[in-house]
């Protein structure tokens, strides 16, 4: 179970992206869940009792669903999830140089996110319900008749 299950605003879709990690020079290794990704790094949810978080460690990474992701990263920050003693959020910064395939992947990912953000559909709850119900958008509501403006002078009191 993820620490983000049951959140009001989900950070990631339910089909989690798995991250396989190994701390170089230590016997710590495991699997985590990708929370966020950027050109220069990632945020990973790691569940481990053997994890000794220090900011001077280097991770070897393998993200099967993102083959072009850099394979090494340094731990920039971490925090323990309050309700789970063995679950950490870790901010990792990729070690340079970045491969062209990674730059291309990030460019495409950002373009896809912008396209989703700029997509005007669906806009209303009625449209969302219609899409989920029978995949037909509802008819737009009839425009309201213009209202006659109130009298400005009626608001002023005579003294």
Protein backbone atom coordinates (compact mmCIF):
# COMPACT_ATOMS: atom_id res chain seq x y z
CA UNK A 1 0.00 0.00 0.00
CA UNK A 2 1.34 3.42 -0.92
CA UNK A 3 1.42 6.27 1.56
CA UNK A 4 -0.40 8.36 -1.04
CA UNK A 5 -3.42 6.06 -1.30
CA UNK A 6 -6.48 7.87 -0.06
CA UNK A 7 -5.09 11.37 -0.67
CA UNK A 8 -7.51 14.05 -1.72
CA UNK A 9 -5.31 14.89 -4.73
CA UNK A 10 -3.40 11.98 -6.20
CA UNK A 11 0.14 12.73 -7.28
CA UNK A 12 0.36 9.79 -9.61
CA UNK A 13 -1.91 7.41 -11.44
CA UNK A 14 -2.63 4.05 -9.85
CA UNK A 15 -0.36 2.27 -12.32
CA UNK A 16 2.83 3.04 -10.42
CA UNK A 17 6.19 3.23 -12.14
CA UNK A 18 8.66 0.96 -10.40
CA UNK A 19 12.20 2.09 -9.61
CA UNK A 20 14.87 -0.48 -8.75
CA UNK A 21 17.59 1.09 -6.59
CA UNK A 22 20.94 0.18 -5.09
CA UNK A 23 23.07 2.37 -2.82
CA UNK A 24 26.59 2.21 -4.18
CA UNK A 25 29.12 0.90 -1.64
CA UNK A 26 26.46 -0.46 0.70
CA UNK A 27 24.36 -3.59 0.91
CA UNK A 28 21.10 -1.62 0.62
CA UNK A 29 18.90 -2.28 -2.41
CA UNK A 30 15.23 -2.53 -3.18
CA UNK A 31 12.29 -1.30 -5.18
CA UNK A 32 10.52 2.02 -4.94
CA UNK A 33 7.73 3.93 -6.60
CA UNK A 34 8.28 6.95 -8.83
CA UNK A 35 6.40 9.99 -7.51
CA UNK A 36 7.70 12.77 -9.76
CA UNK A 37 10.22 13.19 -12.58
CA UNK A 38 12.08 16.15 -14.06
CA UNK A 39 15.05 16.71 -16.33
CA UNK A 40 17.50 16.84 -13.44
CA UNK A 41 16.06 14.31 -10.99
CA UNK A 42 13.26 12.26 -9.51
CA UNK A 43 11.26 11.88 -6.33
CA UNK A 44 10.93 8.26 -5.23
CA UNK A 45 8.92 6.61 -2.47
CA UNK A 46 11.16 3.97 -0.88
CA UNK A 47 10.01 1.42 1.67
CA UNK A 48 12.95 -0.18 3.43
CA UNK A 49 14.07 -1.05 6.94
CA UNK A 50 17.72 -1.20 5.82
CA UNK A 51 17.82 2.26 4.22
CA UNK A 52 20.30 4.56 5.92
CA UNK A 53 19.57 7.98 4.48
CA UNK A 54 22.52 10.30 4.23
CA UNK A 55 22.91 13.02 1.66
CA UNK A 56 26.35 11.82 0.60
CA UNK A 57 25.16 8.55 -0.95
CA UNK A 58 24.93 7.71 -4.63
CA UNK A 59 22.16 5.52 -6.00
CA UNK A 60 22.32 3.21 -8.99
CA UNK A 61 18.89 3.26 -10.59
CA UNK A 62 16.94 1.20 -13.07
CA UNK A 63 13.49 2.35 -14.21
CA UNK A 64 12.18 -0.35 -16.57
CA UNK A 65 9.34 1.81 -17.93
CA UNK A 66 11.69 4.72 -18.67
CA UNK A 67 14.68 3.01 -20.26
CA UNK A 68 16.44 6.28 -21.15
CA UNK A 69 16.51 7.58 -17.55
CA UNK A 70 19.99 8.22 -16.13
CA UNK A 71 21.38 5.28 -14.16
CA UNK A 72 23.08 7.19 -11.32
CA UNK A 73 21.82 9.83 -8.92
CA UNK A 74 22.88 11.50 -5.69
CA UNK A 75 20.50 11.83 -2.74
CA UNK A 76 19.58 15.52 -2.37
CA UNK A 77 16.89 15.30 0.31
CA UNK A 78 14.76 12.78 2.15
CA UNK A 79 11.99 12.70 4.68
CA UNK A 80 10.36 9.90 6.60
CA UNK A 81 6.62 9.55 6.16
CA UNK A 82 5.11 10.32 9.55
CA UNK A 83 2.60 7.48 9.61
CA UNK A 84 5.10 4.88 8.29
CA UNK A 85 8.45 4.37 10.04
CA UNK A 86 10.04 2.54 7.12
CA UNK A 87 8.79 4.66 4.21
CA UNK A 88 10.84 7.56 2.87
CA UNK A 89 10.35 10.15 0.16
CA UNK A 90 13.72 10.71 -1.48
CA UNK A 91 14.73 13.48 -3.86
CA UNK A 92 17.47 12.26 -6.17
CA UNK A 93 19.51 14.42 -8.54
CA UNK A 94 20.83 12.70 -11.64
CA UNK A 95 24.56 12.74 -12.20
CA UNK A 96 25.54 14.29 -15.52
CA UNK A 97 26.06 13.99 -18.44
CA UNK A 98 22.54 13.35 -19.71
CA UNK A 99 22.10 11.16 -22.77
CA UNK A 100 20.25 12.64 -25.75
CA UNK A 101 17.61 9.90 -25.41
CA UNK A 102 16.82 11.19 -21.89
CA UNK A 103 16.56 14.81 -23.09
CA UNK A 104 14.19 13.67 -25.86
CA UNK A 105 12.06 11.64 -23.43
CA UNK A 106 11.71 14.57 -21.00
CA UNK A 107 10.82 16.91 -23.87
CA UNK A 108 8.08 14.56 -25.05
CA UNK A 109 6.82 14.05 -21.47
CA UNK A 110 6.57 17.80 -20.84
CA UNK A 111 4.79 18.27 -24.17
CA UNK A 112 2.26 15.58 -23.23
CA UNK A 113 1.64 17.20 -19.82
CA UNK A 114 1.13 20.62 -21.41
CA UNK A 115 -1.29 19.15 -23.96
CA UNK A 116 -3.32 17.59 -21.13
CA UNK A 117 -3.35 20.88 -19.22
CA UNK A 118 -4.47 22.83 -22.30
CA UNK A 119 -7.18 20.36 -23.30
CA UNK A 120 -10.51 22.13 -22.72
CA UNK A 121 -12.43 18.87 -22.38
CA UNK A 122 -14.21 18.03 -20.09
CA UNK A 123 -15.14 21.31 -18.51
CA UNK A 124 -18.29 20.71 -16.47
CA UNK A 125 -19.43 18.01 -14.11
CA UNK A 126 -22.32 17.25 -16.48
CA UNK A 127 -19.86 16.60 -19.30
CA UNK A 128 -17.73 14.35 -17.11
CA UNK A 129 -20.80 12.36 -16.06
CA UNK A 130 -21.93 12.08 -19.68
CA UNK A 131 -18.52 10.89 -20.80
CA UNK A 132 -18.43 8.26 -18.07
CA UNK A 133 -22.05 7.25 -18.64
CA UNK A 134 -22.38 6.85 -22.38
CA UNK A 135 -19.48 8.71 -24.00
CA UNK A 136 -21.76 11.42 -25.43
CA UNK A 137 -21.37 15.03 -24.32
CA UNK A 138 -24.61 16.66 -23.17
CA UNK A 139 -26.31 19.37 -25.15
CA UNK A 140 -25.11 22.81 -24.12
CA UNK A 141 -27.58 24.69 -21.91
CA UNK A 142 -29.64 27.41 -23.53
CA UNK A 143 -28.19 30.85 -22.98
CA UNK A 144 -29.87 32.83 -20.22
CA UNK A 145 -31.95 35.83 -21.22
CA UNK A 146 -30.13 39.09 -20.55
CA UNK A 147 -31.28 40.81 -17.40
CA UNK A 148 -32.39 44.39 -17.39
CA UNK A 149 -29.92 46.49 -15.43
CA UNK A 150 -31.22 47.99 -12.20
CA UNK A 151 -31.75 51.67 -11.80
CA UNK A 152 -28.70 53.42 -10.51
CA UNK A 153 -30.67 56.40 -9.22
CA UNK A 154 -32.90 54.19 -7.14
CA UNK A 155 -29.92 53.37 -4.94
CA UNK A 156 -29.34 56.97 -3.93
CA UNK A 157 -31.31 58.13 -0.95
CA UNK A 158 -32.72 61.61 -0.75
CA UNK A 159 -31.64 63.45 2.30
